[in-house]
């Protein structure tokens, strides 16, 4: 039997939510509720930032230009697909712990710590620096949460963060960094400083 609602029915969170965001349902997985709440909160932060990085890769894939267009077009799309996989495993871990997964774009935009790039295209050097900064942020928060999870006995979360999220982001940083190798370290540092100053202006 299919339930249909009148077209003029207004759905609100209060009427439809089965579980409030920021809470955890009971799960018989031998982890205290407080531990699961801590892990879920941290995982949602990593998830929001990972979703933002995923979308940044797709933006750069579409807007790549210049003499390195072909290799960057392919690299950005490959990294995008790998970040898509991380999004899924992070979300599934949150649900496994009894939490509620961040999901919608406006909610991700509110939670992410990654700076929003402009809508228009940027040159490849700036694209790559943006990606490096986003990866570094995710790596830092992933390490911190992994240590917390290990100390609290949440081995499943620790394993996922270290073996999948951390290693994948470190691996992708290697590839992104190598795309900048030809610019020279001094030049790269100067461009990075200019980019950071411009972002805070």
N, C-alpha and C. Protein backbone atom coordinates (compact mmCIF):
# COMPACT_ATOMS: atom_id res chain seq x y z
N UNK A 1 0.85 -1.19 0.00
CA UNK A 1 0.00 0.00 0.00
C UNK A 1 0.88 1.24 0.00
N UNK A 2 0.64 2.15 -0.92
CA UNK A 2 1.42 3.37 -1.04
C UNK A 2 0.69 4.52 -0.37
N UNK A 3 1.42 5.26 0.46
CA UNK A 3 0.85 6.43 1.12
C UNK A 3 1.20 7.67 0.32
N UNK A 4 0.22 8.45 -0.03
CA UNK A 4 0.44 9.69 -0.77
C UNK A 4 -0.03 10.86 0.08
N UNK A 5 0.64 11.99 -0.08
CA UNK A 5 0.28 13.20 0.65
C UNK A 5 -0.30 14.21 -0.33
N UNK A 6 -1.25 15.01 0.13
CA UNK A 6 -1.77 16.08 -0.73
C UNK A 6 -0.63 17.00 -1.15
N UNK A 7 -0.73 17.57 -2.35
CA UNK A 7 0.33 18.42 -2.89
C UNK A 7 0.60 19.63 -2.01
N UNK A 8 -0.41 20.12 -1.28
CA UNK A 8 -0.24 21.32 -0.48
C UNK A 8 0.24 21.02 0.94
N UNK A 9 0.58 19.77 1.23
CA UNK A 9 1.07 19.42 2.56
C UNK A 9 2.48 19.95 2.77
N UNK A 10 2.69 20.68 3.85
CA UNK A 10 4.01 21.21 4.20
C UNK A 10 4.69 20.23 5.15
N UNK A 11 5.84 19.69 4.72
CA UNK A 11 6.59 18.78 5.57
C UNK A 11 7.62 19.59 6.36
N UNK A 12 7.68 19.36 7.64
CA UNK A 12 8.65 20.04 8.49
C UNK A 12 9.48 19.00 9.23
N UNK A 13 10.64 19.44 9.74
CA UNK A 13 11.50 18.53 10.48
C UNK A 13 10.77 17.93 11.67
N UNK A 14 9.97 18.76 12.36
CA UNK A 14 9.29 18.29 13.55
C UNK A 14 8.30 17.17 13.24
N UNK A 15 7.74 17.17 12.05
CA UNK A 15 6.74 16.17 11.69
C UNK A 15 7.37 14.89 11.15
N UNK A 16 8.55 14.99 10.56
CA UNK A 16 9.07 13.85 9.80
C UNK A 16 10.33 13.19 10.36
N UNK A 17 11.09 13.88 11.20
CA UNK A 17 12.35 13.31 11.68
C UNK A 17 12.12 12.08 12.55
N UNK A 18 12.86 11.03 12.25
CA UNK A 18 12.81 9.82 13.07
C UNK A 18 13.84 9.88 14.20
N UNK A 19 14.90 10.66 13.99
CA UNK A 19 15.95 10.83 15.00
C UNK A 19 16.55 12.21 14.85
N UNK A 20 16.80 12.87 15.95
CA UNK A 20 17.35 14.23 15.92
C UNK A 20 18.84 14.19 15.63
N UNK A 21 19.27 15.09 14.77
CA UNK A 21 20.71 15.21 14.47
C UNK A 21 21.45 15.55 15.76
N UNK A 22 22.61 14.92 15.94
CA UNK A 22 23.40 15.16 17.15
C UNK A 22 23.12 14.18 18.27
N UNK A 23 22.25 13.21 18.01
CA UNK A 23 21.98 12.16 18.98
C UNK A 23 22.46 10.82 18.43
N UNK A 24 22.54 9.83 19.29
CA UNK A 24 22.88 8.48 18.84
C UNK A 24 21.84 7.49 19.35
N UNK A 25 21.42 6.60 18.48
CA UNK A 25 20.51 5.53 18.86
C UNK A 25 21.31 4.42 19.53
N UNK A 26 20.62 3.60 20.30
CA UNK A 26 21.29 2.48 20.96
C UNK A 26 21.79 1.48 19.94
N UNK A 27 23.02 1.02 20.14
CA UNK A 27 23.61 -0.02 19.30
C UNK A 27 24.36 -0.99 20.23
N UNK A 28 24.08 -2.28 20.15
CA UNK A 28 24.76 -3.25 21.01
C UNK A 28 26.16 -3.60 20.49
N UNK A 29 27.05 -2.57 20.47
CA UNK A 29 28.40 -2.79 19.94
C UNK A 29 29.47 -2.55 21.01
N UNK A 30 29.06 -2.65 22.28
CA UNK A 30 30.00 -2.54 23.41
C UNK A 30 30.77 -1.23 23.43
N UNK A 31 30.08 -0.15 23.07
CA UNK A 31 30.66 1.18 23.16
C UNK A 31 29.68 2.09 23.91
N UNK A 32 30.20 2.80 24.90
CA UNK A 32 29.38 3.71 25.70
C UNK A 32 28.78 4.79 24.81
N UNK A 33 27.59 5.26 25.20
CA UNK A 33 26.91 6.30 24.42
C UNK A 33 27.77 7.55 24.28
N UNK A 34 28.46 7.95 25.34
CA UNK A 34 29.30 9.14 25.29
C UNK A 34 30.42 8.99 24.26
N UNK A 35 31.01 7.79 24.20
CA UNK A 35 32.07 7.52 23.23
C UNK A 35 31.52 7.61 21.82
N UNK A 36 30.34 7.03 21.62
CA UNK A 36 29.74 7.06 20.28
C UNK A 36 29.34 8.47 19.87
N UNK A 37 28.87 9.26 20.82
CA UNK A 37 28.54 10.65 20.53
C UNK A 37 29.78 11.43 20.09
N UNK A 38 30.89 11.23 20.80
CA UNK A 38 32.13 11.91 20.45
C UNK A 38 32.60 11.52 19.06
N UNK A 39 32.56 10.22 18.78
CA UNK A 39 33.00 9.75 17.47
C UNK A 39 32.09 10.25 16.36
N UNK A 40 30.79 10.21 16.59
CA UNK A 40 29.84 10.67 15.57
C UNK A 40 30.03 12.15 15.26
N UNK A 41 30.21 12.95 16.30
CA UNK A 41 30.43 14.39 16.09
C UNK A 41 31.69 14.64 15.26
N UNK A 42 32.77 13.97 15.63
CA UNK A 42 34.02 14.14 14.88
C UNK A 42 33.93 13.61 13.47
N UNK A 43 33.26 12.47 13.30
CA UNK A 43 33.11 11.88 11.97
C UNK A 43 32.27 12.77 11.06
N UNK A 44 31.25 13.41 11.61
CA UNK A 44 30.44 14.31 10.79
C UNK A 44 31.25 15.51 10.33
N UNK A 45 32.18 15.98 11.18
CA UNK A 45 33.06 17.07 10.76
C UNK A 45 33.97 16.63 9.62
N UNK A 46 34.59 15.45 9.78
CA UNK A 46 35.44 14.92 8.71
C UNK A 46 34.61 14.68 7.46
N UNK A 47 33.39 14.20 7.63
CA UNK A 47 32.52 13.94 6.48
C UNK A 47 32.18 15.23 5.75
N UNK A 48 31.81 16.27 6.48
CA UNK A 48 31.46 17.55 5.84
C UNK A 48 32.65 18.10 5.05
N UNK A 49 33.84 18.00 5.64
CA UNK A 49 35.03 18.49 4.94
C UNK A 49 35.39 17.61 3.76
N UNK A 50 35.18 16.31 3.88
CA UNK A 50 35.44 15.39 2.78
C UNK A 50 34.47 15.64 1.63
N UNK A 51 33.21 15.91 1.94
CA UNK A 51 32.23 16.22 0.90
C UNK A 51 32.59 17.52 0.19
N UNK A 52 33.12 18.48 0.94
CA UNK A 52 33.54 19.74 0.34
C UNK A 52 34.75 19.52 -0.57
N UNK A 53 35.71 18.73 -0.10
CA UNK A 53 36.88 18.41 -0.93
C UNK A 53 36.46 17.66 -2.18
N UNK A 54 35.56 16.70 -2.03
CA UNK A 54 35.04 15.96 -3.18
C UNK A 54 34.48 16.92 -4.22
N UNK A 55 33.66 17.86 -3.78
CA UNK A 55 33.04 18.80 -4.72
C UNK A 55 34.06 19.77 -5.31
N UNK A 56 35.10 20.12 -4.54
CA UNK A 56 36.15 20.97 -5.07
C UNK A 56 36.90 20.27 -6.19
N UNK A 57 37.13 18.96 -6.02
CA UNK A 57 37.78 18.20 -7.09
C UNK A 57 36.93 18.21 -8.36
N UNK A 58 35.63 18.07 -8.21
CA UNK A 58 34.76 18.07 -9.40
C UNK A 58 34.74 19.46 -10.04
N UNK A 59 34.71 20.50 -9.22
CA UNK A 59 34.76 21.88 -9.75
C UNK A 59 36.04 22.07 -10.57
N UNK A 60 37.16 21.67 -10.00
CA UNK A 60 38.43 21.84 -10.70
C UNK A 60 38.49 20.96 -11.95
N UNK A 61 37.89 19.80 -11.89
CA UNK A 61 37.82 18.91 -13.06
C UNK A 61 37.10 19.61 -14.22
N UNK A 62 35.97 20.22 -13.92
CA UNK A 62 35.20 20.91 -14.95
C UNK A 62 35.90 22.17 -15.44
N UNK A 63 36.61 22.86 -14.54
CA UNK A 63 37.15 24.18 -14.87
C UNK A 63 38.65 24.17 -15.16
N UNK A 64 39.24 22.98 -15.28
CA UNK A 64 40.67 22.91 -15.61
C UNK A 64 40.94 23.58 -16.96
N UNK A 65 42.11 24.21 -17.08
CA UNK A 65 42.47 24.88 -18.33
C UNK A 65 43.98 25.00 -18.40
N UNK A 66 44.47 25.31 -19.58
CA UNK A 66 45.90 25.54 -19.74
C UNK A 66 46.65 24.34 -20.27
N UNK A 67 47.99 24.44 -20.32
CA UNK A 67 48.80 23.38 -20.93
C UNK A 67 48.74 22.05 -20.19
N UNK A 68 48.36 22.06 -18.92
CA UNK A 68 48.26 20.80 -18.15
C UNK A 68 46.81 20.32 -18.04
N UNK A 69 45.96 20.87 -18.91
CA UNK A 69 44.53 20.55 -18.83
C UNK A 69 44.26 19.05 -18.79
N UNK A 70 44.84 18.30 -19.74
CA UNK A 70 44.47 16.90 -19.88
C UNK A 70 44.81 16.09 -18.64
N UNK A 71 46.06 16.21 -18.15
CA UNK A 71 46.44 15.39 -16.99
C UNK A 71 45.71 15.82 -15.73
N UNK A 72 45.47 17.14 -15.57
CA UNK A 72 44.74 17.58 -14.39
C UNK A 72 43.26 17.19 -14.47
N UNK A 73 42.69 17.29 -15.66
CA UNK A 73 41.30 16.88 -15.86
C UNK A 73 41.12 15.43 -15.41
N UNK A 74 42.04 14.56 -15.79
CA UNK A 74 41.96 13.15 -15.41
C UNK A 74 42.27 12.95 -13.92
N UNK A 75 43.31 13.62 -13.43
CA UNK A 75 43.69 13.46 -12.02
C UNK A 75 42.58 13.93 -11.09
N UNK A 76 42.01 15.08 -11.37
CA UNK A 76 40.95 15.61 -10.51
C UNK A 76 39.75 14.66 -10.47
N UNK A 77 39.41 14.08 -11.60
CA UNK A 77 38.26 13.18 -11.63
C UNK A 77 38.56 11.87 -10.88
N UNK A 78 39.79 11.38 -11.00
CA UNK A 78 40.18 10.17 -10.27
C UNK A 78 40.11 10.41 -8.76
N UNK A 79 40.66 11.54 -8.32
CA UNK A 79 40.62 11.85 -6.90
C UNK A 79 39.20 12.08 -6.42
N UNK A 80 38.38 12.70 -7.27
CA UNK A 80 36.96 12.89 -6.93
C UNK A 80 36.29 11.55 -6.65
N UNK A 81 36.50 10.57 -7.51
CA UNK A 81 35.84 9.27 -7.34
C UNK A 81 36.33 8.57 -6.07
N UNK A 82 37.59 8.78 -5.70
CA UNK A 82 38.13 8.19 -4.47
C UNK A 82 37.56 8.89 -3.24
N UNK A 83 37.34 10.19 -3.34
CA UNK A 83 36.71 10.91 -2.23
C UNK A 83 35.24 10.51 -2.09
N UNK A 84 34.58 10.20 -3.19
CA UNK A 84 33.20 9.71 -3.13
C UNK A 84 33.14 8.44 -2.29
N UNK A 85 34.11 7.55 -2.47
CA UNK A 85 34.15 6.31 -1.68
C UNK A 85 34.35 6.62 -0.20
N UNK A 86 35.21 7.59 0.12
CA UNK A 86 35.43 7.96 1.51
C UNK A 86 34.16 8.54 2.14
N UNK A 87 33.44 9.34 1.39
CA UNK A 87 32.18 9.89 1.88
C UNK A 87 31.25 8.77 2.31
N UNK A 88 31.17 7.74 1.52
CA UNK A 88 30.25 6.64 1.81
C UNK A 88 30.67 5.87 3.06
N UNK A 89 31.96 5.55 3.19
CA UNK A 89 32.39 4.78 4.37
C UNK A 89 32.28 5.60 5.65
N UNK A 90 32.54 6.91 5.56
CA UNK A 90 32.37 7.77 6.73
C UNK A 90 30.91 7.82 7.16
N UNK A 91 30.01 8.00 6.19
CA UNK A 91 28.59 8.07 6.51
C UNK A 91 28.10 6.74 7.10
N UNK A 92 28.56 5.64 6.56
CA UNK A 92 28.14 4.33 7.06
C UNK A 92 28.65 4.09 8.48
N UNK A 93 29.86 4.59 8.79
CA UNK A 93 30.37 4.43 10.15
C UNK A 93 29.53 5.24 11.13
N UNK A 94 29.13 6.44 10.74
CA UNK A 94 28.27 7.27 11.60
C UNK A 94 26.97 6.54 11.89
N UNK A 95 26.36 5.98 10.86
CA UNK A 95 25.11 5.25 11.05
C UNK A 95 25.32 3.99 11.90
N UNK A 96 26.45 3.32 11.71
CA UNK A 96 26.77 2.13 12.50
C UNK A 96 26.84 2.46 13.99
N UNK A 97 27.36 3.64 14.30
CA UNK A 97 27.49 4.07 15.69
C UNK A 97 26.16 4.57 16.27
N UNK A 98 25.12 4.61 15.43
CA UNK A 98 23.81 5.06 15.89
C UNK A 98 23.57 6.54 15.67
N UNK A 99 24.47 7.19 14.93
CA UNK A 99 24.34 8.63 14.71
C UNK A 99 23.51 8.97 13.49
N UNK A 100 23.43 10.26 13.23
CA UNK A 100 22.72 10.79 12.06
C UNK A 100 23.77 11.46 11.18
N UNK A 101 23.79 11.08 9.93
CA UNK A 101 24.80 11.55 9.00
C UNK A 101 24.44 12.91 8.41
N UNK A 102 25.41 13.83 8.42
CA UNK A 102 25.23 15.08 7.67
C UNK A 102 25.07 14.71 6.20
N UNK A 103 24.18 15.40 5.48
CA UNK A 103 23.91 14.94 4.12
C UNK A 103 23.67 16.05 3.11
N UNK A 104 22.86 17.04 3.46
CA UNK A 104 22.44 18.02 2.48
C UNK A 104 23.46 19.15 2.33
N UNK A 105 23.56 19.69 1.11
CA UNK A 105 24.55 20.71 0.79
C UNK A 105 24.52 21.92 1.73
N UNK A 106 23.36 22.48 2.08
CA UNK A 106 23.36 23.63 3.00
C UNK A 106 23.93 23.28 4.37
N UNK A 107 23.66 22.07 4.85
CA UNK A 107 24.19 21.63 6.14
C UNK A 107 25.70 21.43 6.06
N UNK A 108 26.17 20.87 4.96
CA UNK A 108 27.61 20.69 4.76
C UNK A 108 28.29 22.05 4.72
N UNK A 109 27.70 23.01 4.02
CA UNK A 109 28.28 24.35 3.90
C UNK A 109 28.40 25.03 5.27
N UNK A 110 27.43 24.79 6.16
CA UNK A 110 27.49 25.37 7.50
C UNK A 110 28.58 24.73 8.34
N UNK A 111 28.83 23.44 8.15
CA UNK A 111 29.73 22.70 9.03
C UNK A 111 31.18 22.69 8.55
N UNK A 112 31.40 22.72 7.25
CA UNK A 112 32.76 22.55 6.73
C UNK A 112 33.70 23.66 7.20
N UNK A 113 34.97 23.30 7.36
CA UNK A 113 36.01 24.26 7.73
C UNK A 113 36.84 24.67 6.51
N UNK A 114 36.54 24.10 5.37
CA UNK A 114 37.28 24.41 4.15
C UNK A 114 36.71 25.68 3.51
N UNK A 115 37.59 26.60 3.17
CA UNK A 115 37.16 27.86 2.57
C UNK A 115 36.48 27.62 1.23
N UNK A 116 35.44 28.38 0.98
CA UNK A 116 34.71 28.24 -0.28
C UNK A 116 35.46 28.94 -1.41
N UNK A 117 35.74 28.22 -2.49
CA UNK A 117 36.40 28.86 -3.63
C UNK A 117 35.40 29.71 -4.41
N UNK A 118 35.88 30.62 -5.26
CA UNK A 118 34.96 31.40 -6.08
C UNK A 118 34.25 30.51 -7.09
N UNK A 119 33.15 30.98 -7.62
CA UNK A 119 32.41 30.17 -8.60
C UNK A 119 33.17 30.02 -9.91
N UNK A 120 33.89 31.05 -10.28
CA UNK A 120 34.59 31.03 -11.56
C UNK A 120 35.88 30.23 -11.50
N UNK A 121 36.46 29.95 -12.67
CA UNK A 121 37.69 29.16 -12.75
C UNK A 121 38.90 29.94 -12.24
N UNK A 122 39.87 29.21 -11.73
CA UNK A 122 41.14 29.77 -11.29
C UNK A 122 42.26 29.06 -12.02
N UNK A 123 43.47 29.62 -11.98
CA UNK A 123 44.56 28.94 -12.67
C UNK A 123 44.93 27.67 -11.91
N UNK A 124 45.64 26.79 -12.59
CA UNK A 124 45.89 25.46 -12.04
C UNK A 124 46.71 25.51 -10.76
N UNK A 125 47.62 26.48 -10.62
CA UNK A 125 48.42 26.57 -9.41
C UNK A 125 47.55 26.84 -8.20
N UNK A 126 46.61 27.77 -8.33
CA UNK A 126 45.71 28.08 -7.22
C UNK A 126 44.79 26.90 -6.94
N UNK A 127 44.30 26.23 -7.99
CA UNK A 127 43.48 25.03 -7.79
C UNK A 127 44.22 24.00 -6.93
N UNK A 128 45.48 23.77 -7.28
CA UNK A 128 46.27 22.76 -6.57
C UNK A 128 46.55 23.19 -5.13
N UNK A 129 46.82 24.46 -4.90
CA UNK A 129 47.04 24.93 -3.53
C UNK A 129 45.78 24.79 -2.70
N UNK A 130 44.63 25.09 -3.28
CA UNK A 130 43.38 24.92 -2.55
C UNK A 130 43.21 23.46 -2.13
N UNK A 131 43.51 22.55 -3.03
CA UNK A 131 43.38 21.13 -2.73
C UNK A 131 44.35 20.70 -1.63
N UNK A 132 45.58 21.18 -1.69
CA UNK A 132 46.56 20.84 -0.66
C UNK A 132 46.11 21.33 0.71
N UNK A 133 45.60 22.55 0.77
CA UNK A 133 45.13 23.09 2.04
C UNK A 133 43.96 22.27 2.59
N UNK A 134 43.03 21.90 1.72
CA UNK A 134 41.88 21.10 2.16
C UNK A 134 42.33 19.73 2.65
N UNK A 135 43.22 19.08 1.91
CA UNK A 135 43.74 17.79 2.34
C UNK A 135 44.43 17.90 3.70
N UNK A 136 45.25 18.93 3.88
CA UNK A 136 45.99 19.08 5.13
C UNK A 136 45.04 19.26 6.31
N UNK A 137 43.99 20.04 6.12
CA UNK A 137 43.00 20.23 7.17
C UNK A 137 42.34 18.91 7.54
N UNK A 138 41.93 18.14 6.53
CA UNK A 138 41.28 16.86 6.78
C UNK A 138 42.23 15.89 7.47
N UNK A 139 43.49 15.87 7.04
CA UNK A 139 44.47 14.98 7.66
C UNK A 139 44.65 15.32 9.13
N UNK A 140 44.75 16.61 9.45
CA UNK A 140 44.95 17.03 10.84
C UNK A 140 43.77 16.61 11.72
N UNK A 141 42.55 16.85 11.25
CA UNK A 141 41.40 16.50 12.07
C UNK A 141 41.19 14.99 12.12
N UNK A 142 41.59 14.29 11.06
CA UNK A 142 41.48 12.83 11.05
C UNK A 142 42.44 12.22 12.07
N UNK A 143 43.66 12.70 12.10
CA UNK A 143 44.63 12.19 13.09
C UNK A 143 44.14 12.43 14.52
N UNK A 144 43.64 13.63 14.76
CA UNK A 144 43.16 13.97 16.11
C UNK A 144 42.01 13.06 16.53
N UNK A 145 41.05 12.87 15.62
CA UNK A 145 39.90 12.02 15.93
C UNK A 145 40.31 10.56 16.07
N UNK A 146 41.26 10.12 15.25
CA UNK A 146 41.75 8.74 15.35
C UNK A 146 42.39 8.47 16.71
N UNK A 147 43.18 9.43 17.20
CA UNK A 147 43.79 9.29 18.52
C UNK A 147 42.73 9.24 19.61
N UNK A 148 41.73 10.11 19.50
CA UNK A 148 40.64 10.12 20.48
C UNK A 148 39.89 8.80 20.47
N UNK A 149 39.57 8.32 19.28
CA UNK A 149 38.84 7.05 19.17
C UNK A 149 39.64 5.90 19.76
N UNK A 150 40.93 5.88 19.50
CA UNK A 150 41.78 4.80 20.04
C UNK A 150 41.81 4.86 21.55
N UNK A 151 41.94 6.06 22.11
CA UNK A 151 41.97 6.21 23.57
C UNK A 151 40.66 5.83 24.23
N UNK A 152 39.55 6.00 23.48
CA UNK A 152 38.23 5.69 24.02
C UNK A 152 37.80 4.25 23.73
N UNK A 153 38.64 3.49 23.04
CA UNK A 153 38.31 2.10 22.74
C UNK A 153 37.44 1.91 21.52
N UNK A 154 37.24 2.98 20.72
CA UNK A 154 36.45 2.87 19.48
C UNK A 154 37.39 2.45 18.35
N UNK A 155 37.75 1.17 18.35
CA UNK A 155 38.73 0.67 17.39
C UNK A 155 38.23 0.70 15.96
N UNK A 156 36.93 0.51 15.77
CA UNK A 156 36.38 0.54 14.42
C UNK A 156 36.54 1.90 13.77
N UNK A 157 36.25 2.96 14.52
CA UNK A 157 36.41 4.31 14.00
C UNK A 157 37.89 4.62 13.76
N UNK A 158 38.73 4.24 14.71
CA UNK A 158 40.17 4.46 14.56
C UNK A 158 40.70 3.77 13.31
N UNK A 159 40.30 2.53 13.09
CA UNK A 159 40.78 1.77 11.93
C UNK A 159 40.33 2.42 10.63
N UNK A 160 39.07 2.82 10.56
CA UNK A 160 38.57 3.47 9.34
C UNK A 160 39.32 4.75 9.05
N UNK A 161 39.52 5.56 10.08
CA UNK A 161 40.19 6.85 9.88
C UNK A 161 41.63 6.67 9.43
N UNK A 162 42.35 5.74 10.06
CA UNK A 162 43.77 5.56 9.73
C UNK A 162 43.95 4.82 8.41
N UNK A 163 43.26 3.70 8.25
CA UNK A 163 43.51 2.85 7.09
C UNK A 163 42.88 3.36 5.81
N UNK A 164 41.82 4.15 5.91
CA UNK A 164 41.15 4.62 4.70
C UNK A 164 41.25 6.14 4.51
N UNK A 165 40.76 6.90 5.48
CA UNK A 165 40.72 8.36 5.30
C UNK A 165 42.12 8.96 5.28
N UNK A 166 42.90 8.66 6.31
CA UNK A 166 44.24 9.25 6.41
C UNK A 166 45.13 8.82 5.26
N UNK A 167 45.20 7.53 5.01
CA UNK A 167 46.10 7.04 3.96
C UNK A 167 45.69 7.52 2.58
N UNK A 168 44.39 7.57 2.31
CA UNK A 168 43.93 8.05 1.00
C UNK A 168 44.28 9.51 0.80
N UNK A 169 44.07 10.34 1.82
CA UNK A 169 44.39 11.76 1.70
C UNK A 169 45.88 12.00 1.58
N UNK A 170 46.69 11.26 2.33
CA UNK A 170 48.13 11.38 2.20
C UNK A 170 48.59 11.00 0.80
N UNK A 171 48.01 9.94 0.26
CA UNK A 171 48.37 9.48 -1.08
C UNK A 171 48.00 10.52 -2.13
N UNK A 172 46.82 11.11 -1.99
CA UNK A 172 46.40 12.12 -2.96
C UNK A 172 47.24 13.39 -2.85
N UNK A 173 47.68 13.74 -1.65
CA UNK A 173 48.56 14.90 -1.49
C UNK A 173 49.85 14.70 -2.27
N UNK A 174 50.36 13.50 -2.26
CA UNK A 174 51.58 13.19 -3.02
C UNK A 174 51.39 13.56 -4.49
N UNK A 175 50.28 13.12 -5.09
CA UNK A 175 50.03 13.38 -6.50
C UNK A 175 49.81 14.87 -6.77
N UNK A 176 49.05 15.52 -5.89
CA UNK A 176 48.80 16.95 -6.07
C UNK A 176 50.10 17.74 -5.92
N UNK A 177 50.91 17.38 -4.93
CA UNK A 177 52.19 18.08 -4.71
C UNK A 177 53.11 17.94 -5.90
N UNK A 178 53.14 16.78 -6.50
CA UNK A 178 54.03 16.55 -7.64
C UNK A 178 53.63 17.40 -8.85
N UNK A 179 52.36 17.77 -8.93
CA UNK A 179 51.94 18.65 -10.02
C UNK A 179 52.54 20.04 -9.88
N UNK A 180 52.97 20.38 -8.66
CA UNK A 180 53.57 21.69 -8.40
C UNK A 180 55.09 21.63 -8.40
N UNK A 181 55.66 20.46 -8.56
CA UNK A 181 57.11 20.29 -8.41
C UNK A 181 57.90 21.16 -9.38
N UNK A 182 57.39 21.37 -10.58
CA UNK A 182 58.13 22.14 -11.57
C UNK A 182 58.14 23.63 -11.33
N UNK A 183 57.33 24.12 -10.38
CA UNK A 183 57.28 25.56 -10.15
C UNK A 183 58.44 26.06 -9.31
N UNK A 184 59.14 25.17 -8.64
CA UNK A 184 60.24 25.59 -7.76
C UNK A 184 59.72 25.90 -6.38
N UNK A 185 60.45 25.46 -5.36
CA UNK A 185 59.96 25.61 -3.99
C UNK A 185 59.81 27.07 -3.60
N UNK A 186 60.79 27.91 -3.93
CA UNK A 186 60.71 29.32 -3.55
C UNK A 186 59.51 29.99 -4.20
N UNK A 187 59.33 29.73 -5.49
CA UNK A 187 58.20 30.33 -6.19
C UNK A 187 56.89 29.81 -5.61
N UNK A 188 56.85 28.52 -5.31
CA UNK A 188 55.65 27.92 -4.77
C UNK A 188 55.29 28.56 -3.42
N UNK A 189 56.30 28.76 -2.57
CA UNK A 189 56.05 29.37 -1.27
C UNK A 189 55.56 30.80 -1.42
N UNK A 190 56.12 31.54 -2.36
CA UNK A 190 55.68 32.92 -2.57
C UNK A 190 54.24 32.95 -3.06
N UNK A 191 53.90 32.06 -3.97
CA UNK A 191 52.52 32.02 -4.48
C UNK A 191 51.56 31.60 -3.38
N UNK A 192 51.98 30.67 -2.54
CA UNK A 192 51.14 30.22 -1.43
C UNK A 192 50.88 31.37 -0.46
N UNK A 193 51.95 32.15 -0.16
CA UNK A 193 51.79 33.28 0.75
C UNK A 193 50.84 34.32 0.17
N UNK A 194 50.98 34.59 -1.13
CA UNK A 194 50.08 35.56 -1.77
C UNK A 194 48.65 35.06 -1.75
N UNK A 195 48.46 33.76 -1.97
CA UNK A 195 47.14 33.18 -1.98
C UNK A 195 46.48 33.28 -0.60
N UNK A 196 47.25 32.94 0.46
CA UNK A 196 46.72 33.00 1.82
C UNK A 196 46.37 34.43 2.20
N UNK A 197 47.24 35.39 1.85
CA UNK A 197 46.97 36.79 2.17
C UNK A 197 45.73 37.28 1.42
N UNK A 198 45.60 36.88 0.18
CA UNK A 198 44.44 37.31 -0.61
C UNK A 198 43.15 36.72 -0.05
N UNK A 199 43.22 35.48 0.46
CA UNK A 199 42.03 34.81 1.00
C UNK A 199 41.54 35.51 2.26
N UNK A 200 42.48 36.11 3.03
CA UNK A 200 42.11 36.76 4.29
C UNK A 200 41.84 38.25 4.12
N UNK A 201 42.02 38.77 2.89
CA UNK A 201 41.84 40.21 2.68
C UNK A 201 40.38 40.60 2.75
